[in-house]
Amino acid sequence: MENASGGIERCLLQRNGYGVAVDNNARIYLKDSVLKDNDHAAFYAGWEAAMAVMEIHRCTVFGRVWHTADRPGQLSEGDNRMMGMHESSAE
């Protein structure tokens, strides 16, 4: 998502390249969702994501959480569970 906004609630994001990716001026909120079995990582912030906003609340992530060390310009997180790669196959 580059210049759009939206929200995801109570969803399973599975078997994607990235669960959720933002860049430029994108705004996204994600809550009460599960992200697992994504090829690269659950989240990706593009090279120009300094103005992007991402809110992640009450989500469970199985596997790699972020693709790189980059983060959106504004990141809000709370009550999330980050599970390791070894646990994704157990669910």
PDB file of N, CA and C in Angstrom:
ATOM      1  N   MET A   1       0.847  -1.154   0.000  1.00  0.00           N
ATOM      2  CA  MET A   1       0.000   0.000   0.000  1.00  0.00           C
ATOM      3  C   MET A   1       0.901   1.228   0.000  1.00  0.00           C
ATOM      4  N   GLU A   2       0.716   2.147  -0.949  1.00  0.00           N
ATOM      5  CA  GLU A   2       1.593   3.314  -1.044  1.00  0.00           C
ATOM      6  C   GLU A   2       0.947   4.604  -0.563  1.00  0.00           C
ATOM      7  N   ASN A   3      -0.193   4.982  -1.075  1.00  0.00           N
ATOM      8  CA  ASN A   3      -0.814   6.258  -0.706  1.00  0.00           C
ATOM      9  C   ASN A   3      -2.270   6.074  -0.309  1.00  0.00           C
ATOM     10  N   ALA A   4      -2.624   4.910   0.120  1.00  0.00           N
ATOM     11  CA  ALA A   4      -4.003   4.601   0.486  1.00  0.00           C
ATOM     12  C   ALA A   4      -4.124   4.473   1.999  1.00  0.00           C
ATOM     13  N   SER A   5      -5.348   4.282   2.454  1.00  0.00           N
ATOM     14  CA  SER A   5      -5.563   4.004   3.872  1.00  0.00           C
ATOM     15  C   SER A   5      -6.631   2.935   3.995  1.00  0.00           C
ATOM     16  N   GLY A   6      -6.573   2.208   5.106  1.00  0.00           N
ATOM     17  CA  GLY A   6      -7.553   1.156   5.307  1.00  0.00           C
ATOM     18  C   GLY A   6      -7.315   0.435   6.614  1.00  0.00           C
ATOM     19  N   GLY A   7      -8.177  -0.537   6.856  1.00  0.00           N
ATOM     20  CA  GLY A   7      -8.061  -1.294   8.082  1.00  0.00           C
ATOM     21  C   GLY A   7      -8.371  -2.758   7.853  1.00  0.00           C
ATOM     22  N   ILE A   8      -7.801  -3.587   8.708  1.00  0.00           N
ATOM     23  CA  ILE A   8      -8.010  -5.031   8.664  1.00  0.00           C
ATOM     24  C   ILE A   8      -8.330  -5.475  10.079  1.00  0.00           C
ATOM     25  N   GLU A   9      -9.466  -6.141  10.248  1.00  0.00           N
ATOM     26  CA  GLU A   9      -9.867  -6.627  11.565  1.00  0.00           C
ATOM     27  C   GLU A   9     -10.317  -8.082  11.468  1.00  0.00           C
ATOM     28  N   ARG A  10      -9.920  -8.877  12.467  1.00  0.00           N
ATOM     29  CA  ARG A  10     -10.344 -10.270  12.601  1.00  0.00           C
ATOM     30  C   ARG A  10     -10.136 -11.069  11.313  1.00  0.00           C
ATOM     31  N   CYS A  11      -8.914 -11.012  10.785  1.00  0.00           N
ATOM     32  CA  CYS A  11      -8.596 -11.719   9.540  1.00  0.00           C
ATOM     33  C   CYS A  11      -7.397 -12.637   9.724  1.00  0.00           C
ATOM     34  N   LEU A  12      -7.298 -13.625   8.853  1.00  0.00           N
ATOM     35  CA  LEU A  12      -6.123 -14.473   8.748  1.00  0.00           C
ATOM     36  C   LEU A  12      -5.396 -14.062   7.477  1.00  0.00           C
ATOM     37  N   LEU A  13      -4.161 -13.583   7.625  1.00  0.00           N
ATOM     38  CA  LEU A  13      -3.322 -13.224   6.477  1.00  0.00           C
ATOM     39  C   LEU A  13      -2.246 -14.298   6.384  1.00  0.00           C
ATOM     40  N   GLN A  14      -2.378 -15.157   5.382  1.00  0.00           N
ATOM     41  CA  GLN A  14      -1.547 -16.350   5.302  1.00  0.00           C
ATOM     42  C   GLN A  14      -1.069 -16.576   3.875  1.00  0.00           C
ATOM     43  N   ARG A  15       0.174 -17.063   3.760  1.00  0.00           N
ATOM     44  CA  ARG A  15       0.769 -17.448   2.467  1.00  0.00           C
ATOM     45  C   ARG A  15       0.832 -16.290   1.478  1.00  0.00           C
ATOM     46  N   ASN A  16       1.288 -15.145   1.948  1.00  0.00           N
ATOM     47  CA  ASN A  16       1.537 -13.980   1.092  1.00  0.00           C
ATOM     48  C   ASN A  16       3.036 -13.727   1.064  1.00  0.00           C
ATOM     49  N   GLY A  17       3.473 -12.858   0.180  1.00  0.00           N
ATOM     50  CA  GLY A  17       4.866 -12.428   0.221  1.00  0.00           C
ATOM     51  C   GLY A  17       5.126 -11.725   1.544  1.00  0.00           C
ATOM     52  N   TYR A  18       4.292 -10.723   1.828  1.00  0.00           N
ATOM     53  CA  TYR A  18       4.270 -10.008   3.106  1.00  0.00           C
ATOM     54  C   TYR A  18       2.823  -9.989   3.565  1.00  0.00           C
ATOM     55  N   GLY A  19       2.608 -10.062   4.876  1.00  0.00           N
ATOM     56  CA  GLY A  19       1.245  -9.951   5.377  1.00  0.00           C
ATOM     57  C   GLY A  19       0.679  -8.559   5.103  1.00  0.00           C
ATOM     58  N   VAL A  20       1.416  -7.534   5.536  1.00  0.00           N
ATOM     59  CA  VAL A  20       1.018  -6.138   5.333  1.00  0.00           C
ATOM     60  C   VAL A  20       2.274  -5.326   5.016  1.00  0.00           C
ATOM     61  N   ALA A  21       2.221  -4.531   3.961  1.00  0.00           N
ATOM     62  CA  ALA A  21       3.343  -3.680   3.573  1.00  0.00           C
ATOM     63  C   ALA A  21       2.852  -2.250   3.373  1.00  0.00           C
ATOM     64  N   VAL A  22       3.661  -1.280   3.805  1.00  0.00           N
ATOM     65  CA  VAL A  22       3.324   0.125   3.611  1.00  0.00           C
ATOM     66  C   VAL A  22       4.516   0.866   3.015  1.00  0.00           C
ATOM     67  N   ASP A  23       4.213   1.952   2.319  1.00  0.00           N
ATOM     68  CA  ASP A  23       5.233   2.835   1.769  1.00  0.00           C
ATOM     69  C   ASP A  23       4.598   4.206   1.565  1.00  0.00           C
ATOM     70  N   ASN A  24       5.402   5.196   1.326  1.00  0.00           N
ATOM     71  CA  ASN A  24       4.966   6.572   1.082  1.00  0.00           C
ATOM     72  C   ASN A  24       4.029   7.065   2.181  1.00  0.00           C
ATOM     73  N   ASN A  25       2.806   7.454   1.840  1.00  0.00           N
ATOM     74  CA  ASN A  25       1.864   8.038   2.800  1.00  0.00           C
ATOM     75  C   ASN A  25       0.758   7.076   3.233  1.00  0.00           C
ATOM     76  N   ALA A  26       0.982   5.801   3.107  1.00  0.00           N
ATOM     77  CA  ALA A  26      -0.044   4.811   3.453  1.00  0.00           C
ATOM     78  C   ALA A  26      -0.369   4.851   4.942  1.00  0.00           C
ATOM     79  N   ARG A  27      -1.631   4.547   5.248  1.00  0.00           N
ATOM     80  CA  ARG A  27      -2.101   4.454   6.635  1.00  0.00           C
ATOM     81  C   ARG A  27      -2.896   3.162   6.753  1.00  0.00           C
ATOM     82  N   ILE A  28      -2.535   2.325   7.726  1.00  0.00           N
ATOM     83  CA  ILE A  28      -3.232   1.054   7.898  1.00  0.00           C
ATOM     84  C   ILE A  28      -3.356   0.736   9.382  1.00  0.00           C
ATOM     85  N   TYR A  29      -4.495   0.190   9.744  1.00  0.00           N
ATOM     86  CA  TYR A  29      -4.601  -0.366  11.088  1.00  0.00           C
ATOM     87  C   TYR A  29      -4.960  -1.832  10.953  1.00  0.00           C
ATOM     88  N   LEU A  30      -4.414  -2.613  11.870  1.00  0.00           N
ATOM     89  CA  LEU A  30      -4.591  -4.059  11.861  1.00  0.00           C
ATOM     90  C   LEU A  30      -4.876  -4.477  13.289  1.00  0.00           C
ATOM     91  N   LYS A  31      -6.016  -5.145  13.505  1.00  0.00           N
ATOM     92  CA  LYS A  31      -6.280  -5.614  14.861  1.00  0.00           C
ATOM     93  C   LYS A  31      -7.037  -6.930  14.882  1.00  0.00           C
ATOM     94  N   ASP A  32      -6.813  -7.655  15.985  1.00  0.00           N
ATOM     95  CA  ASP A  32      -7.454  -8.954  16.218  1.00  0.00           C
ATOM     96  C   ASP A  32      -7.272  -9.903  15.039  1.00  0.00           C
ATOM     97  N   SER A  33      -6.067  -9.927  14.464  1.00  0.00           N
ATOM     98  CA  SER A  33      -5.798 -10.751  13.284  1.00  0.00           C
ATOM     99  C   SER A  33      -4.604 -11.670  13.512  1.00  0.00           C
ATOM    100  N   VAL A  34      -4.472 -12.668  12.625  1.00  0.00           N
ATOM    101  CA  VAL A  34      -3.367 -13.624  12.675  1.00  0.00           C
ATOM    102  C   VAL A  34      -2.619 -13.540  11.353  1.00  0.00           C
ATOM    103  N   LEU A  35      -1.286 -13.480  11.433  1.00  0.00           N
ATOM    104  CA  LEU A  35      -0.430 -13.468  10.250  1.00  0.00           C
ATOM    105  C   LEU A  35       0.497 -14.667  10.353  1.00  0.00           C
ATOM    106  N   LYS A  36       0.489 -15.540   9.335  1.00  0.00           N
ATOM    107  CA  LYS A  36       1.340 -16.730   9.389  1.00  0.00           C
ATOM    108  C   LYS A  36       1.662 -17.251   8.000  1.00  0.00           C
ATOM    109  N   ASP A  37       2.743 -17.998   7.933  1.00  0.00           N
ATOM    110  CA  ASP A  37       3.184 -18.655   6.690  1.00  0.00           C
ATOM    111  C   ASP A  37       3.388 -17.671   5.541  1.00  0.00           C
ATOM    112  N   ASN A  38       3.820 -16.440   5.853  1.00  0.00           N
ATOM    113  CA  ASN A  38       4.126 -15.479   4.797  1.00  0.00           C
ATOM    114  C   ASN A  38       5.557 -15.715   4.315  1.00  0.00           C
ATOM    115  N   ASP A  39       5.790 -15.588   3.007  1.00  0.00           N
ATOM    116  CA  ASP A  39       7.079 -15.947   2.417  1.00  0.00           C
ATOM    117  C   ASP A  39       8.250 -15.165   3.008  1.00  0.00           C
ATOM    118  N   HIS A  40       8.102 -13.846   3.151  1.00  0.00           N
ATOM    119  CA  HIS A  40       9.221 -13.011   3.592  1.00  0.00           C
ATOM    120  C   HIS A  40       9.083 -12.584   5.049  1.00  0.00           C
ATOM    121  N   ALA A  41       7.945 -12.027   5.413  1.00  0.00           N
ATOM    122  CA  ALA A  41       7.717 -11.555   6.785  1.00  0.00           C
ATOM    123  C   ALA A  41       6.266 -11.105   6.912  1.00  0.00           C
ATOM    124  N   ALA A  42       5.843 -10.915   8.150  1.00  0.00           N
ATOM    125  CA  ALA A  42       4.483 -10.428   8.386  1.00  0.00           C
ATOM    126  C   ALA A  42       4.339  -8.971   7.949  1.00  0.00           C
ATOM    127  N   PHE A  43       5.397  -8.155   8.190  1.00  0.00           N
ATOM    128  CA  PHE A  43       5.316  -6.715   7.914  1.00  0.00           C
ATOM    129  C   PHE A  43       6.514  -6.241   7.120  1.00  0.00           C
ATOM    130  N   TYR A  44       6.257  -5.237   6.270  1.00  0.00           N
ATOM    131  CA  TYR A  44       7.320  -4.620   5.479  1.00  0.00           C
ATOM    132  C   TYR A  44       7.057  -3.129   5.385  1.00  0.00           C
ATOM    133  N   ALA A  45       8.073  -2.334   5.679  1.00  0.00           N
ATOM    134  CA  ALA A  45       8.014  -0.882   5.475  1.00  0.00           C
ATOM    135  C   ALA A  45       8.969  -0.548   4.337  1.00  0.00           C
ATOM    136  N   GLY A  46       8.441   0.053   3.300  1.00  0.00           N
ATOM    137  CA  GLY A  46       9.247   0.376   2.124  1.00  0.00           C
ATOM    138  C   GLY A  46      10.288   1.441   2.392  1.00  0.00           C
ATOM    139  N   TRP A  47      11.119   1.704   1.398  1.00  0.00           N
ATOM    140  CA  TRP A  47      12.221   2.654   1.534  1.00  0.00           C
ATOM    141  C   TRP A  47      11.745   4.069   1.792  1.00  0.00           C
ATOM    142  N   GLU A  48      10.529   4.383   1.379  1.00  0.00           N
ATOM    143  CA  GLU A  48      10.016   5.752   1.534  1.00  0.00           C
ATOM    144  C   GLU A  48       8.828   5.788   2.489  1.00  0.00           C
ATOM    145  N   ALA A  49       8.888   5.006   3.554  1.00  0.00           N
ATOM    146  CA  ALA A  49       7.759   4.880   4.481  1.00  0.00           C
ATOM    147  C   ALA A  49       7.827   5.853   5.663  1.00  0.00           C
ATOM    148  N   ALA A  50       8.643   6.887   5.576  1.00  0.00           N
ATOM    149  CA  ALA A  50       8.793   7.833   6.690  1.00  0.00           C
ATOM    150  C   ALA A  50       7.489   8.545   7.034  1.00  0.00           C
ATOM    151  N   MET A  51       6.583   8.673   6.090  1.00  0.00           N
ATOM    152  CA  MET A  51       5.297   9.334   6.333  1.00  0.00           C
ATOM    153  C   MET A  51       4.169   8.320   6.542  1.00  0.00           C
ATOM    154  N   ALA A  52       4.470   7.047   6.438  1.00  0.00           N
ATOM    155  CA  ALA A  52       3.456   6.003   6.584  1.00  0.00           C
ATOM    156  C   ALA A  52       3.092   5.805   8.057  1.00  0.00           C
ATOM    157  N   VAL A  53       1.852   5.335   8.272  1.00  0.00           N
ATOM    158  CA  VAL A  53       1.347   5.075   9.617  1.00  0.00           C
ATOM    159  C   VAL A  53       0.844   3.638   9.668  1.00  0.00           C
ATOM    160  N   MET A  54       1.278   2.891  10.690  1.00  0.00           N
ATOM    161  CA  MET A  54       0.813   1.523  10.869  1.00  0.00           C
ATOM    162  C   MET A  54       0.463   1.319  12.343  1.00  0.00           C
ATOM    163  N   GLU A  55      -0.757   0.813  12.572  1.00  0.00           N
ATOM    164  CA  GLU A  55      -1.204   0.478  13.923  1.00  0.00           C
ATOM    165  C   GLU A  55      -1.472  -1.018  13.965  1.00  0.00           C
ATOM    166  N   ILE A  56      -0.844  -1.719  14.925  1.00  0.00           N
ATOM    167  CA  ILE A  56      -0.965  -3.168  15.043  1.00  0.00           C
ATOM    168  C   ILE A  56      -1.357  -3.483  16.484  1.00  0.00           C
ATOM    169  N   HIS A  57      -2.569  -3.978  16.685  1.00  0.00           N
ATOM    170  CA  HIS A  57      -3.064  -4.235  18.037  1.00  0.00           C
ATOM    171  C   HIS A  57      -3.780  -5.584  18.124  1.00  0.00           C
ATOM    172  N   ARG A  58      -3.475  -6.319  19.186  1.00  0.00           N
ATOM    173  CA  ARG A  58      -4.098  -7.615  19.484  1.00  0.00           C
ATOM    174  C   ARG A  58      -3.976  -8.601  18.321  1.00  0.00           C
ATOM    175  N   CYS A  59      -2.785  -8.649  17.722  1.00  0.00           N
ATOM    176  CA  CYS A  59      -2.529  -9.576  16.615  1.00  0.00           C
ATOM    177  C   CYS A  59      -1.540 -10.649  17.046  1.00  0.00           C
ATOM    178  N   THR A  60      -1.584 -11.784  16.337  1.00  0.00           N
ATOM    179  CA  THR A  60      -0.632 -12.863  16.561  1.00  0.00           C
ATOM    180  C   THR A  60       0.139 -13.080  15.267  1.00  0.00           C
ATOM    181  N   VAL A  61       1.459 -13.090  15.385  1.00  0.00           N
ATOM    182  CA  VAL A  61       2.326 -13.291  14.226  1.00  0.00           C
ATOM    183  C   VAL A  61       3.147 -14.555  14.436  1.00  0.00           C
ATOM    184  N   PHE A  62       3.057 -15.465  13.485  1.00  0.00           N
ATOM    185  CA  PHE A  62       3.881 -16.665  13.480  1.00  0.00           C
ATOM    186  C   PHE A  62       4.975 -16.454  12.443  1.00  0.00           C
ATOM    187  N   GLY A  63       6.228 -16.654  12.831  1.00  0.00           N
ATOM    188  CA  GLY A  63       7.334 -16.495  11.891  1.00  0.00           C
ATOM    189  C   GLY A  63       7.983 -15.130  11.999  1.00  0.00           C
ATOM    190  N   ARG A  64       8.680 -14.772  10.938  1.00  0.00           N
ATOM    191  CA  ARG A  64       9.428 -13.513  10.894  1.00  0.00           C
ATOM    192  C   ARG A  64       8.464 -12.336  10.970  1.00  0.00           C
ATOM    193  N   VAL A  65       8.771 -11.373  11.828  1.00  0.00           N
ATOM    194  CA  VAL A  65       7.864 -10.247  12.039  1.00  0.00           C
ATOM    195  C   VAL A  65       8.104  -9.141  11.003  1.00  0.00           C
ATOM    196  N   TRP A  66       9.319  -8.587  10.947  1.00  0.00           N
ATOM    197  CA  TRP A  66       9.648  -7.511   9.998  1.00  0.00           C
ATOM    198  C   TRP A  66      10.661  -8.010   8.977  1.00  0.00           C
ATOM    199  N   HIS A  67      10.513  -7.593   7.734  1.00  0.00           N
ATOM    200  CA  HIS A  67      11.423  -8.023   6.676  1.00  0.00           C
ATOM    201  C   HIS A  67      12.800  -7.376   6.818  1.00  0.00           C
ATOM    202  N   THR A  68      12.840  -6.111   7.216  1.00  0.00           N
ATOM    203  CA  THR A  68      14.103  -5.382   7.408  1.00  0.00           C
ATOM    204  C   THR A  68      14.018  -4.615   8.724  1.00  0.00           C
ATOM    205  N   ALA A  69      15.035  -3.854   9.020  1.00  0.00           N
ATOM    206  CA  ALA A  69      15.033  -3.014  10.220  1.00  0.00           C
ATOM    207  C   ALA A  69      14.205  -1.744  10.020  1.00  0.00           C
ATOM    208  N   ASP A  70      13.780  -1.456   8.799  1.00  0.00           N
ATOM    209  CA  ASP A  70      12.975  -0.261   8.515  1.00  0.00           C
ATOM    210  C   ASP A  70      11.594  -0.384   9.133  1.00  0.00           C
ATOM    211  N   ARG A  71      11.053   0.761   9.581  1.00  0.00           N
ATOM    212  CA  ARG A  71       9.715   0.820  10.162  1.00  0.00           C
ATOM    213  C   ARG A  71       8.976   2.019   9.567  1.00  0.00           C
ATOM    214  N   PRO A  72       7.650   2.008   9.618  1.00  0.00           N
ATOM    215  CA  PRO A  72       6.891   3.177   9.186  1.00  0.00           C
ATOM    216  C   PRO A  72       7.239   4.382  10.073  1.00  0.00           C
ATOM    217  N   GLY A  73       7.003   5.581   9.555  1.00  0.00           N
ATOM    218  CA  GLY A  73       7.276   6.791  10.331  1.00  0.00           C
ATOM    219  C   GLY A  73       6.538   6.816  11.657  1.00  0.00           C
ATOM    220  N   GLN A  74       5.303   6.336  11.666  1.00  0.00           N
ATOM    221  CA  GLN A  74       4.524   6.222  12.894  1.00  0.00           C
ATOM    222  C   GLN A  74       4.088   4.775  13.051  1.00  0.00           C
ATOM    223  N   LEU A  75       4.485   4.168  14.166  1.00  0.00           N
ATOM    224  CA  LEU A  75       4.151   2.773  14.434  1.00  0.00           C
ATOM    225  C   LEU A  75       3.568   2.679  15.838  1.00  0.00           C
ATOM    226  N   SER A  76       2.355   2.145  15.919  1.00  0.00           N
ATOM    227  CA  SER A  76       1.694   1.939  17.203  1.00  0.00           C
ATOM    228  C   SER A  76       1.423   0.448  17.347  1.00  0.00           C
ATOM    229  N   GLU A  77       1.894  -0.143  18.456  1.00  0.00           N
ATOM    230  CA  GLU A  77       1.715  -1.571  18.683  1.00  0.00           C
ATOM    231  C   GLU A  77       1.238  -1.808  20.102  1.00  0.00           C
ATOM    232  N   GLY A  78       0.394  -2.837  20.295  1.00  0.00           N
ATOM    233  CA  GLY A  78      -0.033  -3.170  21.646  1.00  0.00           C
ATOM    234  C   GLY A  78      -0.745  -4.502  21.718  1.00  0.00           C
ATOM    235  N   ASP A  79      -0.464  -5.241  22.779  1.00  0.00           N
ATOM    236  CA  ASP A  79      -1.118  -6.524  23.063  1.00  0.00           C
ATOM    237  C   ASP A  79      -0.958  -7.534  21.932  1.00  0.00           C
ATOM    238  N   ASN A  80       0.210  -7.554  21.296  1.00  0.00           N
ATOM    239  CA  ASN A  80       0.481  -8.493  20.214  1.00  0.00           C
ATOM    240  C   ASN A  80       1.270  -9.689  20.737  1.00  0.00           C
ATOM    241  N   ARG A  81       1.136 -10.813  20.031  1.00  0.00           N
ATOM    242  CA  ARG A  81       1.928 -12.014  20.327  1.00  0.00           C
ATOM    243  C   ARG A  81       2.789 -12.326  19.120  1.00  0.00           C
ATOM    244  N   MET A  82       4.101 -12.347  19.321  1.00  0.00           N
ATOM    245  CA  MET A  82       5.035 -12.654  18.240  1.00  0.00           C
ATOM    246  C   MET A  82       5.634 -14.027  18.509  1.00  0.00           C
ATOM    247  N   MET A  83       5.290 -14.994  17.663  1.00  0.00           N
ATOM    248  CA  MET A  83       5.723 -16.374  17.837  1.00  0.00           C
ATOM    249  C   MET A  83       6.877 -16.651  16.873  1.00  0.00           C
ATOM    250  N   GLY A  84       7.786 -17.526  17.242  1.00  0.00           N
ATOM    251  CA  GLY A  84       8.921 -17.863  16.398  1.00  0.00           C
ATOM    252  C   GLY A  84       8.547 -18.778  15.252  1.00  0.00           C
ATOM    253  N   MET A  85       9.482 -18.946  14.322  1.00  0.00           N
ATOM    254  CA  MET A  85       9.263 -19.802  13.147  1.00  0.00           C
ATOM    255  C   MET A  85       8.917 -21.229  13.546  1.00  0.00           C
ATOM    256  N   HIS A  86       9.563 -21.745  14.578  1.00  0.00           N
ATOM    257  CA  HIS A  86       9.346 -23.124  14.974  1.00  0.00           C
ATOM    258  C   HIS A  86       7.937 -23.380  15.467  1.00  0.00           C
ATOM    259  N   GLU A  87       7.210 -22.322  15.866  1.00  0.00           N
ATOM    260  CA  GLU A  87       5.871 -22.507  16.389  1.00  0.00           C
ATOM    261  C   GLU A  87       4.784 -22.410  15.329  1.00  0.00           C
ATOM    262  N   SER A  88       5.118 -21.903  14.131  1.00  0.00           N
ATOM    263  CA  SER A  88       4.094 -21.691  13.109  1.00  0.00           C
ATOM    264  C   SER A  88       3.505 -23.006  12.612  1.00  0.00           C
ATOM    265  N   SER A  89       4.298 -24.057  12.600  1.00  0.00           N
ATOM    266  CA  SER A  89       3.777 -25.326  12.100  1.00  0.00           C
ATOM    267  C   SER A  89       2.917 -26.047  13.141  1.00  0.00           C
ATOM    268  N   ALA A  90       2.995 -25.607  14.393  1.00  0.00           N
ATOM    269  CA  ALA A  90       2.225 -26.255  15.442  1.00  0.00           C
ATOM    270  C   ALA A  90       0.773 -25.794  15.462  1.00  0.00           C
ATOM    271  N   GLU A  91       0.484 -24.684  14.847  1.00  0.00           N
ATOM    272  CA  GLU A  91      -0.884 -24.135  14.854  1.00  0.00           C
ATOM    273  C   GLU A  91      -1.684 -24.691  13.700  1.00  0.00           C
TER     274      GLU A  91
END
